[in-house]
ModelCIF file with pLDDT and N, C-alpha, C, O atoms, coordinates in Angstrom:
data_MODEL
#
_entry.id   MODEL 
#
_entity.id                         1 
_entity.type                       polymer 
_entity.pdbx_number_of_molecules   1 
#
_entity_poly.entity_id                      1 
_entity_poly.type                           'polypeptide(L)' 
_entity_poly.nstd_linkage                   no 
_entity_poly.nstd_monomer                   no 
_entity_poly.pdbx_seq_one_letter_code       AIEERNPRLHVDHIGSTSVPECRGKGVIDLAVTYRAG 
_entity_poly.pdbx_seq_one_letter_code_can   AIEERNPRLHVDHIGSTSVPECRGKGVIDLAVTYRAG 
_entity_poly.pdbx_strand_id                 A 
#
loop_
_entity_poly_seq.entity_id 
_entity_poly_seq.num 
_entity_poly_seq.mon_id 
_entity_poly_seq.hetero 
1 1  ALA n 
1 2  ILE n 
1 3  GLU n 
1 4  GLU n 
1 5  ARG n 
1 6  ASN n 
1 7  PRO n 
1 8  ARG n 
1 9  LEU n 
1 10 HIS n 
1 11 VAL n 
1 12 ASP n 
1 13 HIS n 
1 14 ILE n 
1 15 GLY n 
1 16 SER n 
1 17 THR n 
1 18 SER n 
1 19 VAL n 
1 20 PRO n 
1 21 GLU n 
1 22 CYS n 
1 23 ARG n 
1 24 GLY n 
1 25 LYS n 
1 26 GLY n 
1 27 VAL n 
1 28 ILE n 
1 29 ASP n 
1 30 LEU n 
1 31 ALA n 
1 32 VAL n 
1 33 THR n 
1 34 TYR n 
1 35 ARG n 
1 36 ALA n 
1 37 GLY n 
#
_struct_asym.id          A 
_struct_asym.entity_id   1 
#
loop_
_ma_qa_metric.id 
_ma_qa_metric.mode 
_ma_qa_metric.name 
_ma_qa_metric.software_group_id 
_ma_qa_metric.type 
1 global pLDDT . pLDDT 
2 local  pLDDT . pLDDT 
#
_ma_qa_metric_global.metric_id      1 
_ma_qa_metric_global.metric_value   96.27 
_ma_qa_metric_global.model_id       1 
_ma_qa_metric_global.ordinal_id     1 
#
loop_
_ma_qa_metric_local.label_asym_id 
_ma_qa_metric_local.label_comp_id 
_ma_qa_metric_local.label_seq_id 
_ma_qa_metric_local.metric_id 
_ma_qa_metric_local.metric_value 
_ma_qa_metric_local.model_id 
_ma_qa_metric_local.ordinal_id 
A ALA 1  2 97.00 1 1  
A ILE 2  2 98.00 1 2  
A GLU 3  2 98.00 1 3  
A GLU 4  2 97.00 1 4  
A ARG 5  2 96.00 1 5  
A ASN 6  2 98.00 1 6  
A PRO 7  2 98.00 1 7  
A ARG 8  2 98.00 1 8  
A LEU 9  2 98.00 1 9  
A HIS 10 2 98.00 1 10 
A VAL 11 2 98.00 1 11 
A ASP 12 2 98.00 1 12 
A HIS 13 2 98.00 1 13 
A ILE 14 2 97.00 1 14 
A GLY 15 2 94.00 1 15 
A SER 16 2 94.00 1 16 
A THR 17 2 96.00 1 17 
A SER 18 2 97.00 1 18 
A VAL 19 2 98.00 1 19 
A PRO 20 2 97.00 1 20 
A GLU 21 2 95.00 1 21 
A CYS 22 2 96.00 1 22 
A ARG 23 2 95.00 1 23 
A GLY 24 2 90.00 1 24 
A LYS 25 2 87.00 1 25 
A GLY 26 2 90.00 1 26 
A VAL 27 2 94.00 1 27 
A ILE 28 2 97.00 1 28 
A ASP 29 2 97.00 1 29 
A LEU 30 2 98.00 1 30 
A ALA 31 2 98.00 1 31 
A VAL 32 2 98.00 1 32 
A THR 33 2 98.00 1 33 
A TYR 34 2 98.00 1 34 
A ARG 35 2 97.00 1 35 
A ALA 36 2 95.00 1 36 
A GLY 37 2 96.00 1 37 
#
loop_
_atom_site.group_PDB 
_atom_site.id 
_atom_site.type_symbol 
_atom_site.label_atom_id 
_atom_site.label_alt_id 
_atom_site.label_comp_id 
_atom_site.label_asym_id 
_atom_site.label_entity_id 
_atom_site.label_seq_id 
_atom_site.pdbx_PDB_ins_code 
_atom_site.Cartn_x 
_atom_site.Cartn_y 
_atom_site.Cartn_z 
_atom_site.occupancy 
_atom_site.B_iso_or_equiv 
_atom_site.pdbx_formal_charge 
_atom_site.auth_seq_id 
_atom_site.auth_comp_id 
_atom_site.auth_asym_id 
_atom_site.auth_atom_id 
_atom_site.pdbx_PDB_model_num 
ATOM 1   N N  . ALA A 1 1  ? 46.402 52.441 182.906 1.00 97.00 ? 1  ALA A N  1 
ATOM 2   C CA . ALA A 1 1  ? 46.880 51.543 182.141 1.00 97.00 ? 1  ALA A CA 1 
ATOM 3   C C  . ALA A 1 1  ? 46.844 51.855 180.691 1.00 97.00 ? 1  ALA A C  1 
ATOM 4   O O  . ALA A 1 1  ? 47.590 51.184 179.977 1.00 97.00 ? 1  ALA A O  1 
ATOM 5   N N  . ILE A 1 2  ? 46.194 52.648 180.207 1.00 98.00 ? 2  ILE A N  1 
ATOM 6   C CA . ILE A 1 2  ? 46.280 52.922 178.571 1.00 98.00 ? 2  ILE A CA 1 
ATOM 7   C C  . ILE A 1 2  ? 47.128 53.649 178.489 1.00 98.00 ? 2  ILE A C  1 
ATOM 8   O O  . ILE A 1 2  ? 47.979 53.041 177.839 1.00 98.00 ? 2  ILE A O  1 
ATOM 9   N N  . GLU A 1 3  ? 47.523 54.671 178.741 1.00 98.00 ? 3  GLU A N  1 
ATOM 10  C CA . GLU A 1 3  ? 48.648 55.338 178.644 1.00 98.00 ? 3  GLU A CA 1 
ATOM 11  C C  . GLU A 1 3  ? 49.790 54.697 178.857 1.00 98.00 ? 3  GLU A C  1 
ATOM 12  O O  . GLU A 1 3  ? 50.773 55.111 178.242 1.00 98.00 ? 3  GLU A O  1 
ATOM 13  N N  . GLU A 1 4  ? 49.935 53.610 179.715 1.00 97.00 ? 4  GLU A N  1 
ATOM 14  C CA . GLU A 1 4  ? 51.562 53.059 180.003 1.00 97.00 ? 4  GLU A CA 1 
ATOM 15  C C  . GLU A 1 4  ? 51.116 51.784 178.734 1.00 97.00 ? 4  GLU A C  1 
ATOM 16  O O  . GLU A 1 4  ? 52.105 51.124 178.415 1.00 97.00 ? 4  GLU A O  1 
ATOM 17  N N  . ARG A 1 5  ? 50.115 51.466 178.172 1.00 96.00 ? 5  ARG A N  1 
ATOM 18  C CA . ARG A 1 5  ? 50.149 50.559 176.801 1.00 96.00 ? 5  ARG A CA 1 
ATOM 19  C C  . ARG A 1 5  ? 50.977 51.394 175.563 1.00 96.00 ? 5  ARG A C  1 
ATOM 20  O O  . ARG A 1 5  ? 51.769 50.980 174.716 1.00 96.00 ? 5  ARG A O  1 
ATOM 21  N N  . ASN A 1 6  ? 50.390 52.871 175.864 1.00 98.00 ? 6  ASN A N  1 
ATOM 22  C CA . ASN A 1 6  ? 50.724 53.417 174.390 1.00 98.00 ? 6  ASN A CA 1 
ATOM 23  C C  . ASN A 1 6  ? 50.820 54.812 174.875 1.00 98.00 ? 6  ASN A C  1 
ATOM 24  O O  . ASN A 1 6  ? 49.788 55.469 174.734 1.00 98.00 ? 6  ASN A O  1 
ATOM 25  N N  . PRO A 1 7  ? 51.998 55.505 175.504 1.00 98.00 ? 7  PRO A N  1 
ATOM 26  C CA . PRO A 1 7  ? 52.392 56.436 175.561 1.00 98.00 ? 7  PRO A CA 1 
ATOM 27  C C  . PRO A 1 7  ? 51.845 57.996 174.858 1.00 98.00 ? 7  PRO A C  1 
ATOM 28  O O  . PRO A 1 7  ? 51.443 59.042 175.367 1.00 98.00 ? 7  PRO A O  1 
ATOM 29  N N  . ARG A 1 8  ? 52.063 57.545 173.454 1.00 98.00 ? 8  ARG A N  1 
ATOM 30  C CA . ARG A 1 8  ? 51.265 58.401 172.381 1.00 98.00 ? 8  ARG A CA 1 
ATOM 31  C C  . ARG A 1 8  ? 50.081 59.007 172.828 1.00 98.00 ? 8  ARG A C  1 
ATOM 32  O O  . ARG A 1 8  ? 49.817 60.161 172.489 1.00 98.00 ? 8  ARG A O  1 
ATOM 33  N N  . LEU A 1 9  ? 49.114 58.151 173.775 1.00 98.00 ? 9  LEU A N  1 
ATOM 34  C CA . LEU A 1 9  ? 47.523 58.857 173.975 1.00 98.00 ? 9  LEU A CA 1 
ATOM 35  C C  . LEU A 1 9  ? 47.683 59.153 174.949 1.00 98.00 ? 9  LEU A C  1 
ATOM 36  O O  . LEU A 1 9  ? 48.572 58.718 175.680 1.00 98.00 ? 9  LEU A O  1 
ATOM 37  N N  . HIS A 1 10 ? 46.521 60.324 175.347 1.00 98.00 ? 10 HIS A N  1 
ATOM 38  C CA . HIS A 1 10 ? 46.061 61.052 176.327 1.00 98.00 ? 10 HIS A CA 1 
ATOM 39  C C  . HIS A 1 10 ? 45.102 60.342 176.835 1.00 98.00 ? 10 HIS A C  1 
ATOM 40  O O  . HIS A 1 10 ? 44.896 59.458 176.004 1.00 98.00 ? 10 HIS A O  1 
ATOM 41  N N  . VAL A 1 11 ? 44.150 60.161 178.013 1.00 98.00 ? 11 VAL A N  1 
ATOM 42  C CA . VAL A 1 11 ? 42.895 60.081 178.471 1.00 98.00 ? 11 VAL A CA 1 
ATOM 43  C C  . VAL A 1 11 ? 42.609 60.800 179.342 1.00 98.00 ? 11 VAL A C  1 
ATOM 44  O O  . VAL A 1 11 ? 43.265 61.057 180.352 1.00 98.00 ? 11 VAL A O  1 
ATOM 45  N N  . ASP A 1 12 ? 41.440 61.248 178.974 1.00 98.00 ? 12 ASP A N  1 
ATOM 46  C CA . ASP A 1 12 ? 40.518 62.372 180.051 1.00 98.00 ? 12 ASP A CA 1 
ATOM 47  C C  . ASP A 1 12 ? 39.432 61.658 180.647 1.00 98.00 ? 12 ASP A C  1 
ATOM 48  O O  . ASP A 1 12 ? 38.650 61.107 179.873 1.00 98.00 ? 12 ASP A O  1 
ATOM 49  N N  . HIS A 1 13 ? 39.214 61.552 182.031 1.00 98.00 ? 13 HIS A N  1 
ATOM 50  C CA . HIS A 1 13 ? 37.725 61.001 182.534 1.00 98.00 ? 13 HIS A CA 1 
ATOM 51  C C  . HIS A 1 13 ? 36.709 62.204 182.156 1.00 98.00 ? 13 HIS A C  1 
ATOM 52  O O  . HIS A 1 13 ? 37.016 63.393 182.075 1.00 98.00 ? 13 HIS A O  1 
ATOM 53  N N  . ILE A 1 14 ? 35.659 61.736 181.980 1.00 97.00 ? 14 ILE A N  1 
ATOM 54  C CA . ILE A 1 14 ? 34.807 62.791 181.222 1.00 97.00 ? 14 ILE A CA 1 
ATOM 55  C C  . ILE A 1 14 ? 33.401 62.207 181.164 1.00 97.00 ? 14 ILE A C  1 
ATOM 56  O O  . ILE A 1 14 ? 33.081 61.037 180.953 1.00 97.00 ? 14 ILE A O  1 
ATOM 57  N N  . GLY A 1 15 ? 32.552 63.370 181.419 1.00 94.00 ? 15 GLY A N  1 
ATOM 58  C CA . GLY A 1 15 ? 31.143 62.440 181.958 1.00 94.00 ? 15 GLY A CA 1 
ATOM 59  C C  . GLY A 1 15 ? 30.710 62.405 183.329 1.00 94.00 ? 15 GLY A C  1 
ATOM 60  O O  . GLY A 1 15 ? 31.623 62.430 184.154 1.00 94.00 ? 15 GLY A O  1 
ATOM 61  N N  . SER A 1 16 ? 29.652 62.359 183.723 1.00 94.00 ? 16 SER A N  1 
ATOM 62  C CA . SER A 1 16 ? 29.278 62.913 185.202 1.00 94.00 ? 16 SER A CA 1 
ATOM 63  C C  . SER A 1 16 ? 29.606 61.881 185.853 1.00 94.00 ? 16 SER A C  1 
ATOM 64  O O  . SER A 1 16 ? 28.833 61.861 186.812 1.00 94.00 ? 16 SER A O  1 
ATOM 65  N N  . THR A 1 17 ? 30.438 60.814 185.926 1.00 96.00 ? 17 THR A N  1 
ATOM 66  C CA . THR A 1 17 ? 31.584 60.724 187.057 1.00 96.00 ? 17 THR A CA 1 
ATOM 67  C C  . THR A 1 17 ? 33.008 61.302 187.212 1.00 96.00 ? 17 THR A C  1 
ATOM 68  O O  . THR A 1 17 ? 33.715 61.265 188.218 1.00 96.00 ? 17 THR A O  1 
ATOM 69  N N  . SER A 1 18 ? 33.163 61.610 186.526 1.00 97.00 ? 18 SER A N  1 
ATOM 70  C CA . SER A 1 18 ? 34.306 62.967 186.470 1.00 97.00 ? 18 SER A CA 1 
ATOM 71  C C  . SER A 1 18 ? 34.102 63.993 186.939 1.00 97.00 ? 18 SER A C  1 
ATOM 72  O O  . SER A 1 18 ? 34.911 64.916 187.030 1.00 97.00 ? 18 SER A O  1 
ATOM 73  N N  . VAL A 1 19 ? 32.491 63.968 187.467 1.00 98.00 ? 19 VAL A N  1 
ATOM 74  C CA . VAL A 1 19 ? 31.966 65.692 188.165 1.00 98.00 ? 19 VAL A CA 1 
ATOM 75  C C  . VAL A 1 19 ? 31.768 65.249 189.708 1.00 98.00 ? 19 VAL A C  1 
ATOM 76  O O  . VAL A 1 19 ? 30.723 64.642 189.939 1.00 98.00 ? 19 VAL A O  1 
ATOM 77  N N  . PRO A 1 20 ? 32.699 65.492 190.854 1.00 97.00 ? 20 PRO A N  1 
ATOM 78  C CA . PRO A 1 20 ? 32.139 65.488 192.267 1.00 97.00 ? 20 PRO A CA 1 
ATOM 79  C C  . PRO A 1 20 ? 30.795 66.240 192.294 1.00 97.00 ? 20 PRO A C  1 
ATOM 80  O O  . PRO A 1 20 ? 30.401 67.307 191.823 1.00 97.00 ? 20 PRO A O  1 
ATOM 81  N N  . GLU A 1 21 ? 30.143 65.065 193.181 1.00 95.00 ? 21 GLU A N  1 
ATOM 82  C CA . GLU A 1 21 ? 28.867 64.872 193.409 1.00 95.00 ? 21 GLU A CA 1 
ATOM 83  C C  . GLU A 1 21 ? 27.678 65.277 192.323 1.00 95.00 ? 21 GLU A C  1 
ATOM 84  O O  . GLU A 1 21 ? 26.545 65.727 192.495 1.00 95.00 ? 21 GLU A O  1 
ATOM 85  N N  . CYS A 1 22 ? 28.503 64.884 191.009 1.00 96.00 ? 22 CYS A N  1 
ATOM 86  C CA . CYS A 1 22 ? 27.310 64.896 190.184 1.00 96.00 ? 22 CYS A CA 1 
ATOM 87  C C  . CYS A 1 22 ? 26.494 63.698 190.316 1.00 96.00 ? 22 CYS A C  1 
ATOM 88  O O  . CYS A 1 22 ? 27.045 62.792 190.941 1.00 96.00 ? 22 CYS A O  1 
ATOM 89  N N  . ARG A 1 23 ? 25.329 63.466 189.889 1.00 95.00 ? 23 ARG A N  1 
ATOM 90  C CA . ARG A 1 23 ? 24.501 62.520 189.964 1.00 95.00 ? 23 ARG A CA 1 
ATOM 91  C C  . ARG A 1 23 ? 24.419 61.931 188.365 1.00 95.00 ? 23 ARG A C  1 
ATOM 92  O O  . ARG A 1 23 ? 24.372 62.822 187.517 1.00 95.00 ? 23 ARG A O  1 
ATOM 93  N N  . GLY A 1 24 ? 24.400 60.731 187.932 1.00 90.00 ? 24 GLY A N  1 
ATOM 94  C CA . GLY A 1 24 ? 24.654 60.522 186.203 1.00 90.00 ? 24 GLY A CA 1 
ATOM 95  C C  . GLY A 1 24 ? 23.923 59.121 186.248 1.00 90.00 ? 24 GLY A C  1 
ATOM 96  O O  . GLY A 1 24 ? 23.286 58.614 187.172 1.00 90.00 ? 24 GLY A O  1 
ATOM 97  N N  . LYS A 1 25 ? 24.168 58.699 185.133 1.00 87.00 ? 25 LYS A N  1 
ATOM 98  C CA . LYS A 1 25 ? 23.907 57.429 184.540 1.00 87.00 ? 25 LYS A CA 1 
ATOM 99  C C  . LYS A 1 25 ? 25.114 56.224 185.541 1.00 87.00 ? 25 LYS A C  1 
ATOM 100 O O  . LYS A 1 25 ? 24.661 55.084 185.642 1.00 87.00 ? 25 LYS A O  1 
ATOM 101 N N  . GLY A 1 26 ? 25.909 56.360 185.922 1.00 90.00 ? 26 GLY A N  1 
ATOM 102 C CA . GLY A 1 26 ? 26.885 55.490 186.181 1.00 90.00 ? 26 GLY A CA 1 
ATOM 103 C C  . GLY A 1 26 ? 27.927 55.066 185.356 1.00 90.00 ? 26 GLY A C  1 
ATOM 104 O O  . GLY A 1 26 ? 28.461 53.997 185.651 1.00 90.00 ? 26 GLY A O  1 
ATOM 105 N N  . VAL A 1 27 ? 28.212 55.507 184.660 1.00 94.00 ? 27 VAL A N  1 
ATOM 106 C CA . VAL A 1 27 ? 29.245 54.410 183.475 1.00 94.00 ? 27 VAL A CA 1 
ATOM 107 C C  . VAL A 1 27 ? 30.735 55.550 183.155 1.00 94.00 ? 27 VAL A C  1 
ATOM 108 O O  . VAL A 1 27 ? 30.848 56.662 182.639 1.00 94.00 ? 27 VAL A O  1 
ATOM 109 N N  . ILE A 1 28 ? 31.467 54.801 183.626 1.00 97.00 ? 28 ILE A N  1 
ATOM 110 C CA . ILE A 1 28 ? 32.851 55.616 183.519 1.00 97.00 ? 28 ILE A CA 1 
ATOM 111 C C  . ILE A 1 28 ? 33.019 55.801 181.990 1.00 97.00 ? 28 ILE A C  1 
ATOM 112 O O  . ILE A 1 28 ? 33.282 54.810 181.308 1.00 97.00 ? 28 ILE A O  1 
ATOM 113 N N  . ASP A 1 29 ? 32.868 57.127 181.368 1.00 97.00 ? 29 ASP A N  1 
ATOM 114 C CA . ASP A 1 29 ? 33.444 57.869 179.907 1.00 97.00 ? 29 ASP A CA 1 
ATOM 115 C C  . ASP A 1 29 ? 34.561 58.044 179.972 1.00 97.00 ? 29 ASP A C  1 
ATOM 116 O O  . ASP A 1 29 ? 34.674 58.601 181.064 1.00 97.00 ? 29 ASP A O  1 
ATOM 117 N N  . LEU A 1 30 ? 35.861 57.931 179.409 1.00 98.00 ? 30 LEU A N  1 
ATOM 118 C CA . LEU A 1 30 ? 36.837 58.050 178.848 1.00 98.00 ? 30 LEU A CA 1 
ATOM 119 C C  . LEU A 1 30 ? 36.857 58.688 177.929 1.00 98.00 ? 30 LEU A C  1 
ATOM 120 O O  . LEU A 1 30 ? 35.854 58.537 177.231 1.00 98.00 ? 30 LEU A O  1 
ATOM 121 N N  . ALA A 1 31 ? 37.712 59.519 177.491 1.00 98.00 ? 31 ALA A N  1 
ATOM 122 C CA . ALA A 1 31 ? 38.151 60.334 176.265 1.00 98.00 ? 31 ALA A CA 1 
ATOM 123 C C  . ALA A 1 31 ? 39.444 60.054 175.909 1.00 98.00 ? 31 ALA A C  1 
ATOM 124 O O  . ALA A 1 31 ? 40.230 60.716 176.588 1.00 98.00 ? 31 ALA A O  1 
ATOM 125 N N  . VAL A 1 32 ? 40.086 59.182 174.944 1.00 98.00 ? 32 VAL A N  1 
ATOM 126 C CA . VAL A 1 32 ? 41.026 58.552 174.715 1.00 98.00 ? 32 VAL A CA 1 
ATOM 127 C C  . VAL A 1 32 ? 41.670 59.209 173.358 1.00 98.00 ? 32 VAL A C  1 
ATOM 128 O O  . VAL A 1 32 ? 41.514 58.694 172.251 1.00 98.00 ? 32 VAL A O  1 
ATOM 129 N N  . THR A 1 33 ? 42.278 60.192 173.543 1.00 98.00 ? 33 THR A N  1 
ATOM 130 C CA . THR A 1 33 ? 42.653 60.700 172.275 1.00 98.00 ? 33 THR A CA 1 
ATOM 131 C C  . THR A 1 33 ? 44.273 60.374 171.653 1.00 98.00 ? 33 THR A C  1 
ATOM 132 O O  . THR A 1 33 ? 45.290 60.090 172.285 1.00 98.00 ? 33 THR A O  1 
ATOM 133 N N  . TYR A 1 34 ? 44.094 60.517 170.349 1.00 98.00 ? 34 TYR A N  1 
ATOM 134 C CA . TYR A 1 34 ? 45.418 60.017 169.670 1.00 98.00 ? 34 TYR A CA 1 
ATOM 135 C C  . TYR A 1 34 ? 45.785 61.435 168.606 1.00 98.00 ? 34 TYR A C  1 
ATOM 136 O O  . TYR A 1 34 ? 45.016 62.059 167.876 1.00 98.00 ? 34 TYR A O  1 
ATOM 137 N N  . ARG A 1 35 ? 47.079 61.608 168.828 1.00 97.00 ? 35 ARG A N  1 
ATOM 138 C CA . ARG A 1 35 ? 47.462 62.633 167.570 1.00 97.00 ? 35 ARG A CA 1 
ATOM 139 C C  . ARG A 1 35 ? 47.288 62.209 166.220 1.00 97.00 ? 35 ARG A C  1 
ATOM 140 O O  . ARG A 1 35 ? 46.795 61.089 166.088 1.00 97.00 ? 35 ARG A O  1 
ATOM 141 N N  . ALA A 1 36 ? 47.611 62.914 165.070 1.00 95.00 ? 36 ALA A N  1 
ATOM 142 C CA . ALA A 1 36 ? 47.261 62.756 163.816 1.00 95.00 ? 36 ALA A CA 1 
ATOM 143 C C  . ALA A 1 36 ? 47.918 61.702 163.139 1.00 95.00 ? 36 ALA A C  1 
ATOM 144 O O  . ALA A 1 36 ? 49.111 61.711 162.836 1.00 95.00 ? 36 ALA A O  1 
ATOM 145 N N  . GLY A 1 37 ? 46.855 60.505 162.837 1.00 96.00 ? 37 GLY A N  1 
ATOM 146 C CA . GLY A 1 37 ? 47.412 59.327 162.231 1.00 96.00 ? 37 GLY A CA 1 
ATOM 147 C C  . GLY A 1 37 ? 47.403 58.443 163.082 1.00 96.00 ? 37 GLY A C  1 
ATOM 148 O O  . GLY A 1 37 ? 47.833 57.321 162.812 1.00 96.00 ? 37 GLY A O  1 
#
């Protein structure tokens, strides 16, 4: 949804919910990255 809204963005799923079998806080963390400017 985010990359479709703005194809110039790149999004990575990070944090414990992105690691199979990793226990954690249960919050979906995303790194929404942008190019210069």
